[in-house]
Structure formats: C-alpha cells, structure tokens
Amino acid sequence: MPINVARIDDRLIHGQVITTWVKNFDIEQVIIVNDKVASDSVQQSVLTMAAPPDLKVVVFGVDKFIDVLKKAEIKRRTMLLFTNSVDVNKLVENGLKLEKLNVGGMRMQEGRRNLSRAVAVTPEEEQAFKSLINNNVAVEIQMVPKDPIVELKTLLN
C-alpha cells in the first residue's frame, strides 16, 4: 500500500501542500479523509480545483475509508490528508498501517490549546495523538519538508 505521506493540515489542499509535499514525494493522488468535506460537494469542488490537473483528489468520510481500505489496495503514490488527529486515530484503530504522521497545521480556535505555533488541539485531539504515539506512530510537526522536525510527544503533558 503506497501511502507515502500522511498529514494533518486543517487547510487541506493549499499552495504549501502542492508545491512541497506533493512535489517532494512525487504524489499521484491525495485522499482527503473527513466526514464534513465528504458531505460538502462545494468544498470538494474547491479542493479539486486547487490541485493541479494531473493530481487525482478523492474524498471519503472516515467510516467509508475504513471500508475502502478493507476492500481495495491503494496502488498510486498517495498522500492521506486529514484535518484532525481523532480521524487518524480511528483509522489506525481500524487497521490502517501508519508508521509516521506529519502534522502541519491545526489552527487555534476556542476550546483549543497551543502545542506549537501552528498546532492547537482540543482535549479529544490531544488524547488521539497520545493514542497514536502509544500505537507506535511517529507523530512529527513539520510545516514543509525542509523545516526541522519536532516530535509531538515532546509537547504533550
């Protein structure tokens, strides 16, 4: 299963993702896993238009993607893109094999606390990160590939 990058970025597809992550890993398709986006055809259209024409963009809800993983093998060079750690943890608990998770951005909003300049979490998201780390997923904060890596576990209480 060629999942080349798994990333949390609450802005999903934007210039930084396309010009650095997609390019550096020669990604052929981006799979966005998010229930809200999966039910919003307008947002799906906007995200598809934000990608270059040769990049396939697919959107699944979390439960639907769990079903897809059980039935089909991913054959293209793939980037999984999420908005939060809760969705990633649910996938890992349901069989997704993930060695590394890149965290690029989770914006500050009411009810969140900052872990770093670019990453803010709810208590539920913080717990999901702890669960991922306990399941041997290396969770790293890194905005772009040339930036230094910060291991997220060093920022958790």
N, C-alpha and C. Protein backbone atom coordinates (compact mmCIF):
# COMPACT_ATOMS: atom_id res chain seq x y z
N MET A 1 0.85 -1.19 0.00
CA MET A 1 0.00 0.00 0.00
C MET A 1 0.89 1.25 0.00
N PRO A 2 0.98 1.94 -1.11
CA PRO A 2 1.90 3.08 -1.17
C PRO A 2 1.34 4.37 -0.59
N ILE A 3 1.17 4.42 0.72
CA ILE A 3 0.84 5.70 1.35
C ILE A 3 2.19 6.35 1.66
N ASN A 4 2.51 7.37 0.91
CA ASN A 4 3.82 7.98 1.01
C ASN A 4 3.88 9.07 2.05
N VAL A 5 2.77 9.74 2.28
CA VAL A 5 2.70 10.80 3.28
C VAL A 5 1.31 10.77 3.91
N ALA A 6 1.28 10.86 5.24
CA ALA A 6 0.02 11.08 5.96
C ALA A 6 0.18 12.39 6.71
N ARG A 7 -0.72 13.32 6.48
CA ARG A 7 -0.53 14.67 7.03
C ARG A 7 -1.84 15.20 7.59
N ILE A 8 -1.74 15.89 8.71
CA ILE A 8 -2.85 16.68 9.23
C ILE A 8 -2.57 18.13 8.88
N ASP A 9 -3.51 18.72 8.16
CA ASP A 9 -3.41 20.14 7.83
C ASP A 9 -4.85 20.63 7.68
N ASP A 10 -5.31 21.43 8.62
CA ASP A 10 -6.74 21.78 8.59
C ASP A 10 -7.11 22.68 7.42
N ARG A 11 -6.11 23.14 6.66
CA ARG A 11 -6.42 23.88 5.43
C ARG A 11 -6.52 22.93 4.23
N LEU A 12 -6.21 21.67 4.44
CA LEU A 12 -6.24 20.61 3.42
C LEU A 12 -5.35 20.97 2.24
N ILE A 13 -5.91 21.09 1.03
CA ILE A 13 -5.06 21.35 -0.14
C ILE A 13 -4.85 22.85 -0.30
N HIS A 14 -3.61 23.27 -0.26
CA HIS A 14 -3.25 24.67 -0.49
C HIS A 14 -1.84 24.69 -1.07
N GLY A 15 -1.36 25.87 -1.38
CA GLY A 15 -0.09 26.01 -2.09
C GLY A 15 1.07 25.27 -1.46
N GLN A 16 1.20 25.37 -0.14
CA GLN A 16 2.32 24.71 0.55
C GLN A 16 2.27 23.20 0.36
N VAL A 17 1.10 22.64 0.42
CA VAL A 17 0.95 21.18 0.25
C VAL A 17 1.33 20.79 -1.18
N ILE A 18 0.83 21.54 -2.15
CA ILE A 18 1.08 21.20 -3.55
C ILE A 18 2.55 21.42 -3.92
N THR A 19 3.12 22.56 -3.54
CA THR A 19 4.47 22.89 -4.00
C THR A 19 5.57 22.18 -3.23
N THR A 20 5.28 21.68 -2.04
CA THR A 20 6.34 20.99 -1.29
C THR A 20 6.05 19.51 -1.11
N TRP A 21 5.03 19.17 -0.38
CA TRP A 21 4.80 17.77 -0.04
C TRP A 21 4.49 16.92 -1.27
N VAL A 22 3.54 17.37 -2.08
CA VAL A 22 3.16 16.60 -3.27
C VAL A 22 4.35 16.47 -4.21
N LYS A 23 5.06 17.57 -4.41
CA LYS A 23 6.21 17.57 -5.33
C LYS A 23 7.36 16.71 -4.78
N ASN A 24 7.72 16.89 -3.52
CA ASN A 24 8.85 16.16 -2.94
C ASN A 24 8.65 14.65 -2.91
N PHE A 25 7.42 14.21 -2.76
CA PHE A 25 7.14 12.77 -2.66
C PHE A 25 6.54 12.22 -3.95
N ASP A 26 6.52 13.04 -5.01
CA ASP A 26 6.02 12.60 -6.32
C ASP A 26 4.64 11.94 -6.18
N ILE A 27 3.77 12.62 -5.46
CA ILE A 27 2.44 12.10 -5.15
C ILE A 27 1.56 12.10 -6.40
N GLU A 28 0.84 10.99 -6.60
CA GLU A 28 -0.08 10.86 -7.74
C GLU A 28 -1.53 11.14 -7.36
N GLN A 29 -1.85 10.89 -6.08
CA GLN A 29 -3.22 11.18 -5.63
C GLN A 29 -3.22 11.61 -4.17
N VAL A 30 -4.17 12.50 -3.87
CA VAL A 30 -4.40 12.93 -2.50
C VAL A 30 -5.76 12.37 -2.08
N ILE A 31 -5.77 11.66 -0.97
CA ILE A 31 -7.03 11.17 -0.41
C ILE A 31 -7.32 11.97 0.85
N ILE A 32 -8.39 12.74 0.80
CA ILE A 32 -8.83 13.53 1.95
C ILE A 32 -9.83 12.67 2.72
N VAL A 33 -9.57 12.49 4.01
CA VAL A 33 -10.47 11.71 4.85
C VAL A 33 -11.06 12.64 5.90
N ASN A 34 -12.34 12.99 5.69
CA ASN A 34 -13.01 13.92 6.60
C ASN A 34 -14.52 13.84 6.34
N ASP A 35 -15.29 13.63 7.38
CA ASP A 35 -16.74 13.49 7.21
C ASP A 35 -17.40 14.77 6.70
N LYS A 36 -16.96 15.91 7.20
CA LYS A 36 -17.58 17.17 6.80
C LYS A 36 -17.33 17.46 5.31
N VAL A 37 -16.10 17.28 4.88
CA VAL A 37 -15.77 17.53 3.47
C VAL A 37 -16.48 16.51 2.58
N ALA A 38 -16.57 15.26 3.05
CA ALA A 38 -17.22 14.22 2.25
C ALA A 38 -18.70 14.52 1.99
N SER A 39 -19.30 15.32 2.87
CA SER A 39 -20.72 15.63 2.69
C SER A 39 -20.94 17.02 2.08
N ASP A 40 -19.88 17.67 1.64
CA ASP A 40 -19.98 19.03 1.09
C ASP A 40 -19.41 19.06 -0.33
N SER A 41 -20.29 18.95 -1.32
CA SER A 41 -19.83 18.88 -2.72
C SER A 41 -19.18 20.18 -3.17
N VAL A 42 -19.59 21.30 -2.61
CA VAL A 42 -18.97 22.58 -2.99
C VAL A 42 -17.51 22.60 -2.52
N GLN A 43 -17.27 22.22 -1.27
CA GLN A 43 -15.89 22.20 -0.76
C GLN A 43 -15.04 21.19 -1.52
N GLN A 44 -15.63 20.06 -1.90
CA GLN A 44 -14.90 19.08 -2.70
C GLN A 44 -14.48 19.68 -4.04
N SER A 45 -15.39 20.45 -4.68
CA SER A 45 -15.05 21.08 -5.95
C SER A 45 -13.92 22.09 -5.79
N VAL A 46 -13.98 22.88 -4.72
CA VAL A 46 -12.94 23.87 -4.48
C VAL A 46 -11.59 23.18 -4.27
N LEU A 47 -11.57 22.11 -3.48
CA LEU A 47 -10.32 21.39 -3.22
C LEU A 47 -9.78 20.75 -4.50
N THR A 48 -10.65 20.21 -5.33
CA THR A 48 -10.21 19.61 -6.59
C THR A 48 -9.62 20.67 -7.51
N MET A 49 -10.25 21.85 -7.55
CA MET A 49 -9.74 22.93 -8.40
C MET A 49 -8.41 23.48 -7.89
N ALA A 50 -8.14 23.34 -6.58
CA ALA A 50 -6.88 23.82 -6.01
C ALA A 50 -5.70 22.93 -6.36
N ALA A 51 -5.99 21.74 -6.85
CA ALA A 51 -4.93 20.79 -7.21
C ALA A 51 -4.60 20.91 -8.69
N PRO A 52 -3.35 20.62 -9.06
CA PRO A 52 -3.01 20.60 -10.48
C PRO A 52 -3.78 19.50 -11.20
N PRO A 53 -4.00 19.65 -12.52
CA PRO A 53 -4.85 18.70 -13.25
C PRO A 53 -4.34 17.26 -13.22
N ASP A 54 -3.03 17.06 -13.08
CA ASP A 54 -2.51 15.69 -13.08
C ASP A 54 -2.54 15.02 -11.71
N LEU A 55 -3.04 15.72 -10.70
CA LEU A 55 -3.13 15.16 -9.35
C LEU A 55 -4.57 14.75 -9.07
N LYS A 56 -4.76 13.47 -8.82
CA LYS A 56 -6.11 12.96 -8.51
C LYS A 56 -6.44 13.30 -7.06
N VAL A 57 -7.64 13.83 -6.83
CA VAL A 57 -8.10 14.16 -5.48
C VAL A 57 -9.37 13.37 -5.21
N VAL A 58 -9.37 12.61 -4.12
CA VAL A 58 -10.51 11.79 -3.74
C VAL A 58 -10.87 12.14 -2.30
N VAL A 59 -12.17 12.16 -1.99
CA VAL A 59 -12.62 12.49 -0.64
C VAL A 59 -13.49 11.35 -0.11
N PHE A 60 -13.20 10.93 1.12
CA PHE A 60 -14.01 9.91 1.79
C PHE A 60 -14.35 10.37 3.20
N GLY A 61 -15.51 9.94 3.70
CA GLY A 61 -15.79 10.04 5.11
C GLY A 61 -14.94 8.99 5.83
N VAL A 62 -14.79 9.12 7.14
CA VAL A 62 -13.90 8.23 7.88
C VAL A 62 -14.37 6.76 7.78
N ASP A 63 -15.64 6.50 8.06
CA ASP A 63 -16.13 5.12 8.02
C ASP A 63 -16.06 4.54 6.61
N LYS A 64 -16.36 5.36 5.61
CA LYS A 64 -16.29 4.89 4.23
C LYS A 64 -14.85 4.50 3.87
N PHE A 65 -13.87 5.32 4.33
CA PHE A 65 -12.48 5.00 4.01
C PHE A 65 -12.03 3.72 4.72
N ILE A 66 -12.53 3.48 5.91
CA ILE A 66 -12.23 2.21 6.60
C ILE A 66 -12.72 1.04 5.74
N ASP A 67 -13.92 1.16 5.18
CA ASP A 67 -14.44 0.12 4.29
C ASP A 67 -13.57 -0.03 3.04
N VAL A 68 -13.17 1.10 2.47
CA VAL A 68 -12.34 1.07 1.26
C VAL A 68 -11.03 0.35 1.53
N LEU A 69 -10.39 0.65 2.67
CA LEU A 69 -9.11 0.01 3.00
C LEU A 69 -9.24 -1.51 3.11
N LYS A 70 -10.39 -1.97 3.57
CA LYS A 70 -10.59 -3.42 3.73
C LYS A 70 -10.81 -4.11 2.40
N LYS A 71 -11.29 -3.36 1.38
CA LYS A 71 -11.69 -3.98 0.11
C LYS A 71 -10.71 -3.75 -1.03
N ALA A 72 -9.96 -2.65 -0.98
CA ALA A 72 -9.13 -2.30 -2.14
C ALA A 72 -7.72 -1.92 -1.70
N GLU A 73 -6.79 -2.23 -2.58
CA GLU A 73 -5.40 -1.86 -2.33
C GLU A 73 -5.12 -0.51 -3.00
N ILE A 74 -4.42 0.36 -2.30
CA ILE A 74 -4.02 1.64 -2.88
C ILE A 74 -2.78 1.39 -3.73
N LYS A 75 -2.87 1.73 -5.01
CA LYS A 75 -1.75 1.43 -5.90
C LYS A 75 -0.97 2.66 -6.34
N ARG A 76 -1.58 3.83 -6.26
CA ARG A 76 -0.88 5.06 -6.66
C ARG A 76 -0.08 5.61 -5.48
N ARG A 77 0.93 6.42 -5.82
CA ARG A 77 1.70 7.12 -4.77
C ARG A 77 0.73 8.11 -4.12
N THR A 78 0.50 7.95 -2.83
CA THR A 78 -0.65 8.60 -2.18
C THR A 78 -0.25 9.43 -0.97
N MET A 79 -0.94 10.54 -0.85
CA MET A 79 -0.89 11.36 0.36
C MET A 79 -2.26 11.31 1.01
N LEU A 80 -2.30 10.88 2.28
CA LEU A 80 -3.53 10.97 3.05
C LEU A 80 -3.54 12.32 3.74
N LEU A 81 -4.66 12.99 3.67
CA LEU A 81 -4.76 14.33 4.23
C LEU A 81 -5.95 14.39 5.18
N PHE A 82 -5.69 14.84 6.40
CA PHE A 82 -6.70 14.89 7.46
C PHE A 82 -6.77 16.30 8.03
N THR A 83 -7.86 16.57 8.78
CA THR A 83 -7.94 17.85 9.48
C THR A 83 -7.69 17.70 10.98
N ASN A 84 -7.73 16.45 11.48
CA ASN A 84 -7.58 16.28 12.93
C ASN A 84 -7.06 14.88 13.28
N SER A 85 -6.55 14.77 14.50
CA SER A 85 -5.96 13.50 14.95
C SER A 85 -7.01 12.46 15.32
N VAL A 86 -8.22 12.89 15.63
CA VAL A 86 -9.27 11.94 16.01
C VAL A 86 -9.58 11.02 14.83
N ASP A 87 -9.69 11.59 13.63
CA ASP A 87 -9.96 10.79 12.44
C ASP A 87 -8.80 9.83 12.15
N VAL A 88 -7.57 10.30 12.30
CA VAL A 88 -6.41 9.44 12.05
C VAL A 88 -6.41 8.28 13.04
N ASN A 89 -6.65 8.59 14.30
CA ASN A 89 -6.64 7.54 15.32
C ASN A 89 -7.72 6.49 15.06
N LYS A 90 -8.89 6.93 14.62
CA LYS A 90 -9.96 5.98 14.32
C LYS A 90 -9.54 5.03 13.18
N LEU A 91 -8.86 5.57 12.18
CA LEU A 91 -8.39 4.73 11.08
C LEU A 91 -7.33 3.73 11.56
N VAL A 92 -6.39 4.20 12.37
CA VAL A 92 -5.34 3.30 12.88
C VAL A 92 -5.98 2.20 13.74
N GLU A 93 -6.95 2.58 14.56
CA GLU A 93 -7.63 1.57 15.40
C GLU A 93 -8.43 0.57 14.56
N ASN A 94 -8.73 0.94 13.32
CA ASN A 94 -9.48 0.06 12.43
C ASN A 94 -8.63 -0.52 11.31
N GLY A 95 -7.32 -0.58 11.52
CA GLY A 95 -6.48 -1.34 10.62
C GLY A 95 -5.52 -0.59 9.71
N LEU A 96 -5.60 0.74 9.67
CA LEU A 96 -4.65 1.48 8.83
C LEU A 96 -3.25 1.33 9.41
N LYS A 97 -2.32 0.87 8.58
CA LYS A 97 -0.92 0.76 9.00
C LYS A 97 -0.25 2.10 8.70
N LEU A 98 0.24 2.75 9.73
CA LEU A 98 0.84 4.07 9.57
C LEU A 98 2.08 4.12 10.46
N GLU A 99 3.23 4.38 9.84
CA GLU A 99 4.47 4.50 10.62
C GLU A 99 4.69 5.92 11.08
N LYS A 100 4.29 6.88 10.23
CA LYS A 100 4.61 8.27 10.52
C LYS A 100 3.42 9.16 10.16
N LEU A 101 3.18 10.16 10.99
CA LEU A 101 2.14 11.16 10.72
C LEU A 101 2.78 12.53 10.81
N ASN A 102 2.63 13.29 9.75
CA ASN A 102 3.13 14.66 9.71
C ASN A 102 1.99 15.58 10.12
N VAL A 103 2.29 16.51 11.00
CA VAL A 103 1.29 17.50 11.41
C VAL A 103 1.78 18.86 10.95
N GLY A 104 0.98 19.48 10.08
CA GLY A 104 1.39 20.76 9.51
C GLY A 104 0.65 21.94 10.07
N GLY A 105 -0.61 21.76 10.42
CA GLY A 105 -1.35 22.89 10.94
C GLY A 105 -2.71 22.52 11.47
N MET A 106 -2.95 22.94 12.70
CA MET A 106 -4.27 22.84 13.33
C MET A 106 -4.46 24.17 14.04
N ARG A 107 -5.29 25.00 13.43
CA ARG A 107 -5.40 26.38 13.91
C ARG A 107 -6.03 26.51 15.29
N MET A 108 -5.62 27.59 15.96
CA MET A 108 -6.16 27.93 17.26
C MET A 108 -7.61 28.38 17.11
N GLN A 109 -8.47 27.82 17.91
CA GLN A 109 -9.88 28.21 18.00
C GLN A 109 -10.30 28.06 19.45
N GLU A 110 -11.47 28.55 19.77
CA GLU A 110 -11.97 28.43 21.14
C GLU A 110 -12.03 26.96 21.54
N GLY A 111 -11.57 26.65 22.74
CA GLY A 111 -11.58 25.28 23.24
C GLY A 111 -10.31 24.51 22.91
N ARG A 112 -9.34 25.19 22.29
CA ARG A 112 -8.09 24.53 21.95
C ARG A 112 -6.94 25.15 22.73
N ARG A 113 -5.87 24.40 22.88
CA ARG A 113 -4.65 24.94 23.47
C ARG A 113 -3.51 24.71 22.50
N ASN A 114 -2.57 25.65 22.50
CA ASN A 114 -1.44 25.56 21.60
C ASN A 114 -0.43 24.52 22.07
N LEU A 115 -0.02 23.66 21.14
CA LEU A 115 1.12 22.78 21.38
C LEU A 115 2.37 23.39 20.77
N SER A 116 2.18 24.10 19.66
CA SER A 116 3.26 24.81 19.00
C SER A 116 2.64 26.04 18.32
N ARG A 117 3.46 26.75 17.58
CA ARG A 117 2.97 27.95 16.90
C ARG A 117 1.85 27.61 15.91
N ALA A 118 1.92 26.46 15.28
CA ALA A 118 0.97 26.11 14.22
C ALA A 118 -0.02 25.01 14.60
N VAL A 119 0.14 24.45 15.79
CA VAL A 119 -0.70 23.31 16.16
C VAL A 119 -1.41 23.57 17.49
N ALA A 120 -2.74 23.59 17.43
CA ALA A 120 -3.57 23.73 18.62
C ALA A 120 -4.55 22.56 18.64
N VAL A 121 -4.84 22.06 19.85
CA VAL A 121 -5.65 20.85 19.96
C VAL A 121 -6.75 21.00 21.00
N THR A 122 -7.84 20.25 20.78
CA THR A 122 -8.85 20.07 21.81
C THR A 122 -8.36 18.94 22.72
N PRO A 123 -8.97 18.78 23.89
CA PRO A 123 -8.57 17.63 24.73
C PRO A 123 -8.75 16.30 24.01
N GLU A 124 -9.82 16.17 23.21
CA GLU A 124 -10.06 14.93 22.46
C GLU A 124 -8.95 14.69 21.42
N GLU A 125 -8.52 15.74 20.73
CA GLU A 125 -7.45 15.60 19.74
C GLU A 125 -6.13 15.26 20.42
N GLU A 126 -5.88 15.87 21.60
CA GLU A 126 -4.65 15.57 22.33
C GLU A 126 -4.63 14.09 22.74
N GLN A 127 -5.77 13.59 23.21
CA GLN A 127 -5.86 12.18 23.59
C GLN A 127 -5.63 11.28 22.37
N ALA A 128 -6.17 11.67 21.22
CA ALA A 128 -5.98 10.89 20.00
C ALA A 128 -4.50 10.86 19.60
N PHE A 129 -3.80 11.98 19.74
CA PHE A 129 -2.35 11.98 19.47
C PHE A 129 -1.63 11.02 20.41
N LYS A 130 -1.99 11.04 21.70
CA LYS A 130 -1.35 10.13 22.66
C LYS A 130 -1.60 8.67 22.26
N SER A 131 -2.81 8.38 21.83
CA SER A 131 -3.14 7.02 21.41
C SER A 131 -2.31 6.61 20.18
N LEU A 132 -2.17 7.52 19.22
CA LEU A 132 -1.36 7.22 18.03
C LEU A 132 0.09 6.93 18.42
N ILE A 133 0.64 7.76 19.30
CA ILE A 133 2.02 7.58 19.75
C ILE A 133 2.16 6.24 20.48
N ASN A 134 1.17 5.90 21.31
CA ASN A 134 1.19 4.60 22.00
C ASN A 134 1.08 3.42 21.04
N ASN A 135 0.52 3.68 19.85
CA ASN A 135 0.44 2.64 18.81
C ASN A 135 1.63 2.70 17.86
N ASN A 136 2.73 3.31 18.34
CA ASN A 136 3.99 3.36 17.59
C ASN A 136 3.93 4.14 16.28
N VAL A 137 3.07 5.13 16.22
CA VAL A 137 3.07 6.04 15.08
C VAL A 137 3.96 7.23 15.47
N ALA A 138 4.95 7.50 14.66
CA ALA A 138 5.82 8.67 14.89
C ALA A 138 5.05 9.92 14.45
N VAL A 139 4.70 10.76 15.40
CA VAL A 139 3.93 11.96 15.08
C VAL A 139 4.89 13.14 15.12
N GLU A 140 5.01 13.82 13.97
CA GLU A 140 6.01 14.88 13.82
C GLU A 140 5.36 16.17 13.33
N ILE A 141 5.75 17.27 13.94
CA ILE A 141 5.31 18.57 13.45
C ILE A 141 6.38 19.08 12.49
N GLN A 142 5.95 19.40 11.30
CA GLN A 142 6.86 19.92 10.28
C GLN A 142 6.01 20.60 9.21
N MET A 143 6.18 21.89 9.05
CA MET A 143 5.36 22.64 8.10
C MET A 143 5.68 22.26 6.65
N VAL A 144 6.97 22.31 6.30
CA VAL A 144 7.43 21.94 4.96
C VAL A 144 8.63 21.01 5.14
N PRO A 145 8.93 20.20 4.12
CA PRO A 145 9.98 19.19 4.28
C PRO A 145 11.35 19.74 4.69
N LYS A 146 11.67 20.97 4.36
CA LYS A 146 12.99 21.49 4.73
C LYS A 146 13.05 21.98 6.18
N ASP A 147 11.91 22.11 6.86
CA ASP A 147 11.89 22.56 8.25
C ASP A 147 12.38 21.46 9.18
N PRO A 148 12.93 21.83 10.34
CA PRO A 148 13.30 20.81 11.32
C PRO A 148 12.05 20.09 11.84
N ILE A 149 12.21 18.83 12.20
CA ILE A 149 11.11 18.03 12.73
C ILE A 149 11.04 18.20 14.24
N VAL A 150 9.83 18.41 14.75
CA VAL A 150 9.59 18.44 16.19
C VAL A 150 8.71 17.23 16.52
N GLU A 151 9.20 16.34 17.38
CA GLU A 151 8.39 15.20 17.78
C GLU A 151 7.27 15.70 18.67
N LEU A 152 6.04 15.42 18.28
CA LEU A 152 4.89 15.95 19.01
C LEU A 152 4.86 15.47 20.46
N LYS A 153 5.34 14.26 20.72
CA LYS A 153 5.29 13.72 22.09
C LYS A 153 6.07 14.59 23.08
N THR A 154 7.03 15.37 22.58
CA THR A 154 7.79 16.24 23.48
C THR A 154 6.97 17.45 23.92
N LEU A 155 5.82 17.68 23.29
CA LEU A 155 4.98 18.83 23.60
C LEU A 155 3.74 18.47 24.41
N LEU A 156 3.51 17.16 24.61
CA LEU A 156 2.33 16.71 25.35
C LEU A 156 2.65 16.62 26.84
N ASN A 157 1.62 16.81 27.66
CA ASN A 157 1.80 16.70 29.11
C ASN A 157 1.87 15.25 29.54
